N, C-alpha and C. Protein backbone atom coordinates (compact mmCIF):
# COMPACT_ATOMS: atom_id res chain seq x y z
N MET A 1 13.46 -28.90 17.21
CA MET A 1 12.27 -29.31 18.06
C MET A 1 11.66 -27.95 17.89
N SER A 2 10.46 -27.77 17.49
CA SER A 2 9.69 -26.83 17.11
C SER A 2 9.01 -26.20 18.85
N LYS A 3 8.76 -24.90 18.58
CA LYS A 3 8.38 -24.26 19.90
C LYS A 3 6.80 -24.63 20.02
N GLY A 4 6.65 -24.64 21.38
CA GLY A 4 5.50 -24.94 21.67
C GLY A 4 5.08 -26.76 21.94
N LYS A 5 5.97 -27.32 21.71
CA LYS A 5 5.68 -28.79 22.03
C LYS A 5 5.98 -29.20 23.68
N SER A 6 5.13 -30.09 24.01
CA SER A 6 4.96 -30.56 25.28
C SER A 6 6.43 -30.84 26.05
N GLY A 7 6.87 -30.36 27.00
CA GLY A 7 8.15 -30.45 27.52
C GLY A 7 9.60 -30.43 26.62
N SER A 8 9.45 -29.09 25.90
CA SER A 8 10.47 -28.64 25.15
C SER A 8 11.52 -28.28 26.11
N TYR A 9 12.64 -28.41 25.59
CA TYR A 9 13.98 -28.37 26.55
C TYR A 9 14.53 -26.88 25.40
N ARG A 10 15.44 -26.10 26.26
CA ARG A 10 16.23 -24.84 25.82
C ARG A 10 17.73 -24.70 26.53
N SER A 11 18.54 -24.86 25.68
CA SER A 11 19.83 -24.70 26.02
C SER A 11 19.98 -23.22 26.84
N ALA A 12 20.55 -23.18 28.10
CA ALA A 12 20.71 -21.94 28.75
C ALA A 12 21.77 -21.54 28.28
N ILE A 13 23.27 -22.18 27.22
CA ILE A 13 24.12 -21.79 26.54
C ILE A 13 23.73 -20.83 25.71
N SER A 14 23.15 -21.22 24.77
CA SER A 14 22.97 -20.72 23.18
C SER A 14 21.48 -20.37 23.20
N GLY A 15 20.70 -20.54 24.08
CA GLY A 15 19.05 -20.32 24.00
C GLY A 15 18.54 -21.03 22.96
N ARG A 16 19.01 -22.02 22.21
CA ARG A 16 18.21 -22.79 21.28
C ARG A 16 17.31 -23.86 21.74
N TYR A 17 16.63 -24.21 21.09
CA TYR A 17 15.75 -25.79 21.61
C TYR A 17 16.64 -26.70 21.42
N VAL A 18 16.61 -27.61 21.96
CA VAL A 18 17.22 -28.54 22.11
C VAL A 18 16.51 -30.06 22.17
N THR A 19 17.08 -31.23 21.83
CA THR A 19 16.00 -32.50 21.96
C THR A 19 15.91 -33.18 23.39
N THR A 20 14.69 -33.50 23.45
CA THR A 20 14.47 -33.92 24.90
C THR A 20 15.63 -34.99 25.20
N ALA A 21 16.27 -35.88 24.41
CA ALA A 21 17.40 -36.65 24.85
C ALA A 21 18.34 -35.73 25.53
N HIS A 22 18.71 -34.64 25.01
CA HIS A 22 19.88 -33.75 25.51
C HIS A 22 19.36 -32.93 26.64
N GLY A 23 18.28 -32.49 26.55
CA GLY A 23 17.80 -31.99 28.08
C GLY A 23 18.10 -32.46 28.93
N ARG A 24 17.50 -34.33 29.02
CA ARG A 24 17.59 -34.92 30.10
C ARG A 24 19.17 -35.40 30.34
N ARG A 25 19.87 -35.27 29.55
CA ARG A 25 21.26 -35.63 29.89
C ARG A 25 22.11 -34.57 30.44
N SER A 26 21.29 -33.38 30.16
CA SER A 26 22.29 -32.17 30.71
C SER A 26 21.32 -31.00 31.64
N PRO A 27 20.89 -32.04 32.64
CA PRO A 27 19.96 -30.66 33.49
C PRO A 27 20.46 -29.67 33.99
N GLY A 28 21.65 -29.27 34.19
CA GLY A 28 22.32 -28.25 34.78
C GLY A 28 22.44 -27.37 33.82
N THR A 29 22.63 -27.55 32.12
CA THR A 29 22.73 -26.54 31.47
C THR A 29 21.30 -26.09 30.36
N THR A 30 20.03 -27.05 30.64
CA THR A 30 19.18 -26.85 29.78
C THR A 30 17.82 -26.40 30.89
N VAL A 31 16.79 -26.28 30.27
CA VAL A 31 15.73 -25.34 31.12
C VAL A 31 14.34 -26.45 30.20
N ARG A 32 13.75 -26.75 31.01
CA ARG A 32 12.74 -27.40 30.41
C ARG A 32 11.43 -26.31 30.26
N GLU A 33 10.74 -26.15 29.09
CA GLU A 33 9.81 -25.39 29.19
C GLU A 33 8.43 -25.72 29.30
N ALA A 34 7.17 -25.46 30.11
CA ALA A 34 6.00 -25.99 29.90
C ALA A 34 5.50 -25.76 28.69
N SER A 35 4.65 -26.80 28.66
CA SER A 35 3.51 -26.34 27.17
C SER A 35 2.27 -25.09 27.67
N GLY A 36 1.78 -24.80 26.74
CA GLY A 36 0.66 -23.78 27.14
C GLY A 36 0.79 -22.37 27.74
N LYS A 37 2.14 -22.53 27.85
CA LYS A 37 2.54 -21.10 28.73
C LYS A 37 2.40 -20.02 27.62
N SER A 38 1.67 -19.11 28.56
CA SER A 38 1.37 -17.68 27.54
C SER A 38 1.82 -16.58 28.56
N GLY A 39 1.87 -15.69 27.99
CA GLY A 39 2.32 -14.27 28.70
C GLY A 39 3.62 -14.31 28.33
N SER A 40 4.10 -13.02 28.71
CA SER A 40 5.55 -12.33 28.81
C SER A 40 6.21 -12.41 30.52
N THR A 41 7.16 -12.84 30.44
CA THR A 41 8.05 -12.64 31.62
C THR A 41 9.42 -11.50 31.94
N GLY A 42 8.89 -10.71 30.80
CA GLY A 42 9.41 -9.09 30.64
C GLY A 42 11.02 -9.18 30.90
N GLY A 43 11.51 -10.20 30.41
CA GLY A 43 13.02 -10.07 30.03
C GLY A 43 13.67 -10.46 31.41
N SER A 44 12.94 -11.46 32.10
CA SER A 44 13.81 -11.84 33.55
C SER A 44 14.96 -13.17 32.92
N TYR A 45 15.63 -13.27 33.93
CA TYR A 45 16.40 -14.83 33.89
C TYR A 45 15.95 -16.02 34.81
N ARG A 46 16.27 -16.60 33.93
CA ARG A 46 15.81 -18.38 34.92
C ARG A 46 17.07 -18.98 34.96
N SER A 47 17.05 -19.35 36.25
CA SER A 47 18.38 -20.43 36.14
C SER A 47 18.21 -22.17 35.72
N ALA A 48 19.03 -22.43 34.93
CA ALA A 48 19.09 -23.83 34.44
C ALA A 48 19.22 -24.81 35.15
N ILE A 49 19.75 -24.37 36.38
CA ILE A 49 20.04 -25.43 37.50
C ILE A 49 18.76 -25.61 38.60
N SER A 50 18.10 -24.68 39.03
CA SER A 50 17.03 -24.54 39.93
C SER A 50 15.90 -24.60 39.09
N GLY A 51 15.76 -23.75 37.92
CA GLY A 51 14.68 -23.55 37.35
C GLY A 51 14.01 -22.29 37.73
N ARG A 52 14.35 -21.57 38.76
CA ARG A 52 13.66 -20.24 39.53
C ARG A 52 14.31 -19.36 38.80
N PHE A 53 13.58 -18.03 38.81
CA PHE A 53 13.79 -16.68 38.37
C PHE A 53 14.97 -16.51 39.27
N VAL A 54 16.05 -15.79 38.70
CA VAL A 54 16.81 -15.07 39.10
C VAL A 54 17.17 -13.57 39.29
N THR A 55 18.19 -12.84 39.97
CA THR A 55 18.03 -11.48 39.29
C THR A 55 19.08 -11.36 38.07
N SER A 56 18.78 -9.65 37.41
CA SER A 56 19.32 -9.75 36.33
C SER A 56 20.76 -9.28 36.49
N ALA A 57 21.24 -9.13 37.36
CA ALA A 57 22.62 -9.22 37.93
C ALA A 57 23.20 -10.34 37.67
N HIS A 58 22.24 -11.42 38.59
CA HIS A 58 23.21 -12.85 38.61
C HIS A 58 22.90 -13.55 37.14
N GLY A 59 22.04 -13.24 36.47
CA GLY A 59 21.71 -13.70 35.21
C GLY A 59 22.75 -13.56 34.21
N LYS A 60 23.59 -11.96 34.51
CA LYS A 60 24.31 -11.37 33.48
C LYS A 60 26.07 -12.00 33.69
N ARG A 61 25.90 -12.43 35.22
CA ARG A 61 27.15 -12.91 35.59
C ARG A 61 27.44 -14.42 34.99
N SER A 62 26.23 -15.02 35.09
CA SER A 62 26.26 -16.48 34.46
C SER A 62 25.50 -16.80 33.59
N PRO A 63 25.99 -16.24 32.15
CA PRO A 63 25.53 -16.64 31.15
C PRO A 63 25.26 -18.16 30.75
N SER A 64 26.39 -19.05 31.15
CA SER A 64 25.90 -20.41 30.70
C SER A 64 24.97 -21.25 31.56
N THR A 65 24.58 -20.60 32.49
CA THR A 65 23.65 -21.40 33.38
C THR A 65 22.40 -20.97 33.44
N THR A 66 22.06 -19.52 33.00
CA THR A 66 20.70 -19.27 32.83
C THR A 66 20.36 -18.80 31.62
N THR A 67 19.25 -18.65 31.39
CA THR A 67 18.45 -18.01 30.15
C THR A 67 17.71 -17.23 30.32
N ARG A 68 17.55 -16.34 29.34
CA ARG A 68 16.49 -14.79 29.61
C ARG A 68 15.24 -15.28 28.92
N GLU A 69 14.15 -14.95 29.49
CA GLU A 69 12.82 -15.13 29.21
C GLU A 69 12.31 -13.75 28.44
N LYS A 70 11.77 -14.09 27.44
CA LYS A 70 11.19 -13.02 26.63
C LYS A 70 9.77 -13.12 26.61
């Protein structure tokens, strides 16, 4: 899956883009990225479960359920 497609899913475990079917089957370990998103989040961490930003400490403690936004 290429970056920038509408409704792309990214694995919180590997950080790689995954298929839409896999993203829907695994909502606890994937993050859906909105299309047309611009700008940088400055290396923040986002929870794959809630979709919310979390602290760096939490992101480092939970690498399989958080993804680092660049």
